[in-house]
Amino acid sequence: MPRLLPRLTPAKVQDDQAVASAALAGDMASDGFSFALYLKHGEYNAALGAALLYLSLLYLRPVLETLLHRVQ
């Protein structure tokens, strides 16, 4: 459920993870885009969701037009 509900308290991380995370953030700021990190962090979920949304809108457009023209 973490994708649907935001965390209200700060995340608890161990010191080793915090240092590694800070080092990674510093390294990535100068390197630019990394496809490996894109896949590792699951960012493809957003692209897949957007693609499915647009496809559903394309599919539903004729259906909605016919429904709206019947009402008028």
PDB file of N, CA and C in Angstrom:
ATOM      1  N   MET A   1       0.789  -1.205   0.000  1.00  0.00           N
ATOM      2  CA  MET A   1       0.000   0.000   0.000  1.00  0.00           C
ATOM      3  C   MET A   1       0.835   1.277   0.000  1.00  0.00           C
ATOM      4  N   PRO A   2       2.157   1.238   0.066  1.00  0.00           N
ATOM      5  CA  PRO A   2       2.906   2.484   0.115  1.00  0.00           C
ATOM      6  C   PRO A   2       2.736   3.338  -1.148  1.00  0.00           C
ATOM      7  N   ARG A   3       2.340   2.759  -2.259  1.00  0.00           N
ATOM      8  CA  ARG A   3       2.141   3.559  -3.462  1.00  0.00           C
ATOM      9  C   ARG A   3       0.881   4.397  -3.368  1.00  0.00           C
ATOM     10  N   LEU A   4      -0.077   3.970  -2.553  1.00  0.00           N
ATOM     11  CA  LEU A   4      -1.344   4.686  -2.456  1.00  0.00           C
ATOM     12  C   LEU A   4      -1.397   5.639  -1.271  1.00  0.00           C
ATOM     13  N   LEU A   5      -0.746   5.283  -0.181  1.00  0.00           N
ATOM     14  CA  LEU A   5      -0.788   6.104   1.024  1.00  0.00           C
ATOM     15  C   LEU A   5       0.602   6.629   1.355  1.00  0.00           C
ATOM     16  N   PRO A   6       0.740   7.954   1.494  1.00  0.00           N
ATOM     17  CA  PRO A   6       2.064   8.492   1.829  1.00  0.00           C
ATOM     18  C   PRO A   6       2.431   8.206   3.274  1.00  0.00           C
ATOM     19  N   ARG A   7       3.717   8.159   3.548  1.00  0.00           N
ATOM     20  CA  ARG A   7       4.216   7.958   4.899  1.00  0.00           C
ATOM     21  C   ARG A   7       4.141   9.289   5.641  1.00  0.00           C
ATOM     22  N   LEU A   8       3.632   9.267   6.850  1.00  0.00           N
ATOM     23  CA  LEU A   8       3.506  10.484   7.638  1.00  0.00           C
ATOM     24  C   LEU A   8       4.714  10.738   8.528  1.00  0.00           C
ATOM     25  N   THR A   9       5.511   9.717   8.768  1.00  0.00           N
ATOM     26  CA  THR A   9       6.710   9.862   9.589  1.00  0.00           C
ATOM     27  C   THR A   9       7.938   9.624   8.719  1.00  0.00           C
ATOM     28  N   PRO A  10       9.073  10.172   9.109  1.00  0.00           N
ATOM     29  CA  PRO A  10      10.291   9.934   8.327  1.00  0.00           C
ATOM     30  C   PRO A  10      10.665   8.449   8.312  1.00  0.00           C
ATOM     31  N   ALA A  11      11.249   8.021   7.221  1.00  0.00           N
ATOM     32  CA  ALA A  11      11.689   6.631   7.113  1.00  0.00           C
ATOM     33  C   ALA A  11      12.858   6.392   8.050  1.00  0.00           C
ATOM     34  N   LYS A  12      12.896   5.212   8.638  1.00  0.00           N
ATOM     35  CA  LYS A  12      13.996   4.845   9.526  1.00  0.00           C
ATOM     36  C   LYS A  12      15.017   4.066   8.719  1.00  0.00           C
ATOM     37  N   VAL A  13      16.215   4.635   8.581  1.00  0.00           N
ATOM     38  CA  VAL A  13      17.274   3.965   7.840  1.00  0.00           C
ATOM     39  C   VAL A  13      18.473   3.781   8.746  1.00  0.00           C
ATOM     40  N   GLN A  14      19.236   2.748   8.494  1.00  0.00           N
ATOM     41  CA  GLN A  14      20.449   2.520   9.260  1.00  0.00           C
ATOM     42  C   GLN A  14      21.525   3.478   8.771  1.00  0.00           C
ATOM     43  N   ASP A  15      22.540   3.694   9.577  1.00  0.00           N
ATOM     44  CA  ASP A  15      23.605   4.637   9.228  1.00  0.00           C
ATOM     45  C   ASP A  15      24.316   4.224   7.943  1.00  0.00           C
ATOM     46  N   ASP A  16      24.545   2.926   7.756  1.00  0.00           N
ATOM     47  CA  ASP A  16      25.237   2.463   6.553  1.00  0.00           C
ATOM     48  C   ASP A  16      24.415   2.769   5.314  1.00  0.00           C
ATOM     49  N   GLN A  17      23.114   2.584   5.405  1.00  0.00           N
ATOM     50  CA  GLN A  17      22.252   2.859   4.267  1.00  0.00           C
ATOM     51  C   GLN A  17      22.207   4.351   3.970  1.00  0.00           C
ATOM     52  N   ALA A  18      22.188   5.182   4.992  1.00  0.00           N
ATOM     53  CA  ALA A  18      22.135   6.625   4.801  1.00  0.00           C
ATOM     54  C   ALA A  18      23.399   7.115   4.106  1.00  0.00           C
ATOM     55  N   VAL A  19      24.543   6.599   4.519  1.00  0.00           N
ATOM     56  CA  VAL A  19      25.809   7.006   3.896  1.00  0.00           C
ATOM     57  C   VAL A  19      25.847   6.545   2.444  1.00  0.00           C
ATOM     58  N   ALA A  20      25.431   5.307   2.194  1.00  0.00           N
ATOM     59  CA  ALA A  20      25.427   4.785   0.825  1.00  0.00           C
ATOM     60  C   ALA A  20      24.446   5.558  -0.036  1.00  0.00           C
ATOM     61  N   SER A  21      23.292   5.898   0.508  1.00  0.00           N
ATOM     62  CA  SER A  21      22.287   6.642  -0.234  1.00  0.00           C
ATOM     63  C   SER A  21      22.798   8.044  -0.576  1.00  0.00           C
ATOM     64  N   ALA A  22      23.453   8.703   0.382  1.00  0.00           N
ATOM     65  CA  ALA A  22      23.994  10.041   0.131  1.00  0.00           C
ATOM     66  C   ALA A  22      25.095   9.985  -0.910  1.00  0.00           C
ATOM     67  N   ALA A  23      25.932   8.964  -0.847  1.00  0.00           N
ATOM     68  CA  ALA A  23      27.006   8.828  -1.831  1.00  0.00           C
ATOM     69  C   ALA A  23      26.436   8.576  -3.210  1.00  0.00           C
ATOM     70  N   LEU A  24      25.414   7.746  -3.288  1.00  0.00           N
ATOM     71  CA  LEU A  24      24.782   7.444  -4.567  1.00  0.00           C
ATOM     72  C   LEU A  24      24.125   8.687  -5.141  1.00  0.00           C
ATOM     73  N   ALA A  25      23.447   9.454  -4.305  1.00  0.00           N
ATOM     74  CA  ALA A  25      22.790  10.672  -4.775  1.00  0.00           C
ATOM     75  C   ALA A  25      23.826  11.673  -5.280  1.00  0.00           C
ATOM     76  N   GLY A  26      24.952  11.770  -4.614  1.00  0.00           N
ATOM     77  CA  GLY A  26      26.001  12.681  -5.058  1.00  0.00           C
ATOM     78  C   GLY A  26      26.612  12.235  -6.376  1.00  0.00           C
ATOM     79  N   ASP A  27      26.788  10.934  -6.538  1.00  0.00           N
ATOM     80  CA  ASP A  27      27.356  10.423  -7.786  1.00  0.00           C
ATOM     81  C   ASP A  27      26.391  10.601  -8.944  1.00  0.00           C
ATOM     82  N   MET A  28      25.118  10.370  -8.708  1.00  0.00           N
ATOM     83  CA  MET A  28      24.146  10.414  -9.784  1.00  0.00           C
ATOM     84  C   MET A  28      23.842  11.840 -10.220  1.00  0.00           C
ATOM     85  N   ALA A  29      24.067  12.812  -9.359  1.00  0.00           N
ATOM     86  CA  ALA A  29      23.783  14.193  -9.723  1.00  0.00           C
ATOM     87  C   ALA A  29      24.672  14.641 -10.875  1.00  0.00           C
ATOM     88  N   SER A  30      25.872  14.119 -10.972  1.00  0.00           N
ATOM     89  CA  SER A  30      26.780  14.545 -12.033  1.00  0.00           C
ATOM     90  C   SER A  30      26.779  13.594 -13.228  1.00  0.00           C
ATOM     91  N   ASP A  31      26.254  12.370 -13.051  1.00  0.00           N
ATOM     92  CA  ASP A  31      26.307  11.397 -14.140  1.00  0.00           C
ATOM     93  C   ASP A  31      25.140  11.498 -15.109  1.00  0.00           C
ATOM     94  N   GLY A  32      24.013  12.033 -14.702  1.00  0.00           N
ATOM     95  CA  GLY A  32      22.857  12.130 -15.573  1.00  0.00           C
ATOM     96  C   GLY A  32      21.981  10.900 -15.478  1.00  0.00           C
ATOM     97  N   PHE A  33      21.321  10.577 -16.586  1.00  0.00           N
ATOM     98  CA  PHE A  33      20.353   9.486 -16.599  1.00  0.00           C
ATOM     99  C   PHE A  33      21.045   8.132 -16.605  1.00  0.00           C
ATOM    100  N   SER A  34      20.508   7.201 -15.812  1.00  0.00           N
ATOM    101  CA  SER A  34      21.033   5.846 -15.763  1.00  0.00           C
ATOM    102  C   SER A  34      19.886   4.874 -16.012  1.00  0.00           C
ATOM    103  N   PHE A  35      19.944   4.150 -17.110  1.00  0.00           N
ATOM    104  CA  PHE A  35      18.899   3.196 -17.441  1.00  0.00           C
ATOM    105  C   PHE A  35      18.863   2.059 -16.430  1.00  0.00           C
ATOM    106  N   ALA A  36      20.016   1.689 -15.898  1.00  0.00           N
ATOM    107  CA  ALA A  36      20.068   0.624 -14.896  1.00  0.00           C
ATOM    108  C   ALA A  36      19.297   1.037 -13.636  1.00  0.00           C
ATOM    109  N   LEU A  37      19.478   2.293 -13.179  1.00  0.00           N
ATOM    110  CA  LEU A  37      18.732   2.766 -12.017  1.00  0.00           C
ATOM    111  C   LEU A  37      17.249   2.918 -12.334  1.00  0.00           C
ATOM    112  N   TYR A  38      16.928   3.295 -13.566  1.00  0.00           N
ATOM    113  CA  TYR A  38      15.536   3.394 -14.005  1.00  0.00           C
ATOM    114  C   TYR A  38      14.834   2.050 -13.824  1.00  0.00           C
ATOM    115  N   LEU A  39      15.497   0.977 -14.228  1.00  0.00           N
ATOM    116  CA  LEU A  39      14.920  -0.354 -14.079  1.00  0.00           C
ATOM    117  C   LEU A  39      14.931  -0.809 -12.616  1.00  0.00           C
ATOM    118  N   LYS A  40      16.015  -0.520 -11.912  1.00  0.00           N
ATOM    119  CA  LYS A  40      16.150  -0.956 -10.520  1.00  0.00           C
ATOM    120  C   LYS A  40      15.077  -0.341  -9.628  1.00  0.00           C
ATOM    121  N   HIS A  41      14.758   0.913  -9.849  1.00  0.00           N
ATOM    122  CA  HIS A  41      13.811   1.615  -8.992  1.00  0.00           C
ATOM    123  C   HIS A  41      12.373   1.450  -9.452  1.00  0.00           C
ATOM    124  N   GLY A  42      12.149   0.731 -10.542  1.00  0.00           N
ATOM    125  CA  GLY A  42      10.789   0.459 -10.996  1.00  0.00           C
ATOM    126  C   GLY A  42      10.087   1.655 -11.608  1.00  0.00           C
ATOM    127  N   GLU A  43      10.839   2.580 -12.180  1.00  0.00           N
ATOM    128  CA  GLU A  43      10.238   3.763 -12.779  1.00  0.00           C
ATOM    129  C   GLU A  43       9.427   3.426 -14.020  1.00  0.00           C
ATOM    130  N   TYR A  44       9.622   2.229 -14.558  1.00  0.00           N
ATOM    131  CA  TYR A  44       8.850   1.819 -15.725  1.00  0.00           C
ATOM    132  C   TYR A  44       7.371   1.686 -15.392  1.00  0.00           C
ATOM    133  N   ASN A  45       7.043   1.571 -14.104  1.00  0.00           N
ATOM    134  CA  ASN A  45       5.633   1.516 -13.712  1.00  0.00           C
ATOM    135  C   ASN A  45       4.904   2.788 -14.127  1.00  0.00           C
ATOM    136  N   ALA A  46       5.541   3.932 -13.996  1.00  0.00           N
ATOM    137  CA  ALA A  46       4.912   5.194 -14.375  1.00  0.00           C
ATOM    138  C   ALA A  46       4.713   5.259 -15.885  1.00  0.00           C
ATOM    139  N   ALA A  47       5.706   4.835 -16.647  1.00  0.00           N
ATOM    140  CA  ALA A  47       5.577   4.851 -18.103  1.00  0.00           C
ATOM    141  C   ALA A  47       4.493   3.880 -18.561  1.00  0.00           C
ATOM    142  N   LEU A  48       4.444   2.726 -17.953  1.00  0.00           N
ATOM    143  CA  LEU A  48       3.421   1.743 -18.297  1.00  0.00           C
ATOM    144  C   LEU A  48       2.028   2.260 -17.932  1.00  0.00           C
ATOM    145  N   GLY A  49       1.899   2.870 -16.793  1.00  0.00           N
ATOM    146  CA  GLY A  49       0.615   3.433 -16.380  1.00  0.00           C
ATOM    147  C   GLY A  49       0.139   4.535 -17.310  1.00  0.00           C
ATOM    148  N   ALA A  50       1.056   5.417 -17.716  1.00  0.00           N
ATOM    149  CA  ALA A  50       0.687   6.486 -18.640  1.00  0.00           C
ATOM    150  C   ALA A  50       0.272   5.917 -19.993  1.00  0.00           C
ATOM    151  N   ALA A  51       1.002   4.920 -20.481  1.00  0.00           N
ATOM    152  CA  ALA A  51       0.658   4.307 -21.764  1.00  0.00           C
ATOM    153  C   ALA A  51      -0.715   3.642 -21.701  1.00  0.00           C
ATOM    154  N   LEU A  52      -1.005   2.940 -20.612  1.00  0.00           N
ATOM    155  CA  LEU A  52      -2.317   2.302 -20.467  1.00  0.00           C
ATOM    156  C   LEU A  52      -3.432   3.334 -20.350  1.00  0.00           C
ATOM    157  N   LEU A  53      -3.160   4.429 -19.686  1.00  0.00           N
ATOM    158  CA  LEU A  53      -4.156   5.492 -19.574  1.00  0.00           C
ATOM    159  C   LEU A  53      -4.494   6.058 -20.945  1.00  0.00           C
ATOM    160  N   TYR A  54      -3.478   6.368 -21.740  1.00  0.00           N
ATOM    161  CA  TYR A  54      -3.722   6.926 -23.068  1.00  0.00           C
ATOM    162  C   TYR A  54      -4.428   5.926 -23.978  1.00  0.00           C
ATOM    163  N   LEU A  55      -4.060   4.660 -23.898  1.00  0.00           N
ATOM    164  CA  LEU A  55      -4.729   3.643 -24.704  1.00  0.00           C
ATOM    165  C   LEU A  55      -6.190   3.492 -24.292  1.00  0.00           C
ATOM    166  N   SER A  56      -6.463   3.550 -23.005  1.00  0.00           N
ATOM    167  CA  SER A  56      -7.855   3.441 -22.561  1.00  0.00           C
ATOM    168  C   SER A  56      -8.667   4.647 -23.010  1.00  0.00           C
ATOM    169  N   LEU A  57      -8.061   5.836 -23.006  1.00  0.00           N
ATOM    170  CA  LEU A  57      -8.765   7.015 -23.490  1.00  0.00           C
ATOM    171  C   LEU A  57      -9.041   6.922 -24.988  1.00  0.00           C
ATOM    172  N   LEU A  58      -8.093   6.398 -25.744  1.00  0.00           N
ATOM    173  CA  LEU A  58      -8.328   6.208 -27.179  1.00  0.00           C
ATOM    174  C   LEU A  58      -9.440   5.198 -27.434  1.00  0.00           C
ATOM    175  N   TYR A  59      -9.488   4.170 -26.622  1.00  0.00           N
ATOM    176  CA  TYR A  59     -10.519   3.149 -26.766  1.00  0.00           C
ATOM    177  C   TYR A  59     -11.894   3.693 -26.360  1.00  0.00           C
ATOM    178  N   LEU A  60     -11.946   4.471 -25.296  1.00  0.00           N
ATOM    179  CA  LEU A  60     -13.214   4.955 -24.772  1.00  0.00           C
ATOM    180  C   LEU A  60     -13.770   6.159 -25.517  1.00  0.00           C
ATOM    181  N   ARG A  61     -12.962   6.839 -26.289  1.00  0.00           N
ATOM    182  CA  ARG A  61     -13.444   8.037 -26.978  1.00  0.00           C
ATOM    183  C   ARG A  61     -14.638   7.752 -27.878  1.00  0.00           C
ATOM    184  N   PRO A  62     -14.591   6.750 -28.774  1.00  0.00           N
ATOM    185  CA  PRO A  62     -15.777   6.491 -29.599  1.00  0.00           C
ATOM    186  C   PRO A  62     -16.995   6.063 -28.774  1.00  0.00           C
ATOM    187  N   VAL A  63     -16.756   5.317 -27.710  1.00  0.00           N
ATOM    188  CA  VAL A  63     -17.862   4.873 -26.855  1.00  0.00           C
ATOM    189  C   VAL A  63     -18.526   6.073 -26.191  1.00  0.00           C
ATOM    190  N   LEU A  64     -17.719   6.977 -25.659  1.00  0.00           N
ATOM    191  CA  LEU A  64     -18.272   8.161 -25.004  1.00  0.00           C
ATOM    192  C   LEU A  64     -18.967   9.079 -25.995  1.00  0.00           C
ATOM    193  N   GLU A  65     -18.432   9.209 -27.204  1.00  0.00           N
ATOM    194  CA  GLU A  65     -19.078  10.043 -28.209  1.00  0.00           C
ATOM    195  C   GLU A  65     -20.451   9.519 -28.566  1.00  0.00           C
ATOM    196  N   THR A  66     -20.583   8.212 -28.723  1.00  0.00           N
ATOM    197  CA  THR A  66     -21.898   7.640 -29.043  1.00  0.00           C
ATOM    198  C   THR A  66     -22.875   7.832 -27.880  1.00  0.00           C
ATOM    199  N   LEU A  67     -22.402   7.689 -26.668  1.00  0.00           N
ATOM    200  CA  LEU A  67     -23.270   7.890 -25.520  1.00  0.00           C
ATOM    201  C   LEU A  67     -23.718   9.348 -25.399  1.00  0.00           C
ATOM    202  N   LEU A  68     -22.803  10.274 -25.644  1.00  0.00           N
ATOM    203  CA  LEU A  68     -23.137  11.688 -25.540  1.00  0.00           C
ATOM    204  C   LEU A  68     -24.059  12.142 -26.660  1.00  0.00           C
ATOM    205  N   HIS A  69     -23.908  11.588 -27.856  1.00  0.00           N
ATOM    206  CA  HIS A  69     -24.770  11.980 -28.975  1.00  0.00           C
ATOM    207  C   HIS A  69     -26.178  11.435 -28.808  1.00  0.00           C
ATOM    208  N   ARG A  70     -26.339  10.337 -28.098  1.00  0.00           N
ATOM    209  CA  ARG A  70     -27.674   9.795 -27.838  1.00  0.00           C
ATOM    210  C   ARG A  70     -28.450  10.694 -26.891  1.00  0.00           C
ATOM    211  N   VAL A  71     -27.758  11.307 -25.947  1.00  0.00           N
ATOM    212  CA  VAL A  71     -28.411  12.153 -24.954  1.00  0.00           C
ATOM    213  C   VAL A  71     -28.895  13.440 -25.591  1.00  0.00           C
ATOM    214  N   GLN A  72     -28.143  14.004 -26.505  1.00  0.00           N
ATOM    215  CA  GLN A  72     -28.492  15.293 -27.110  1.00  0.00           C
ATOM    216  C   GLN A  72     -29.529  15.143 -28.114  1.00  0.00           C
TER     217      GLN A  72
END
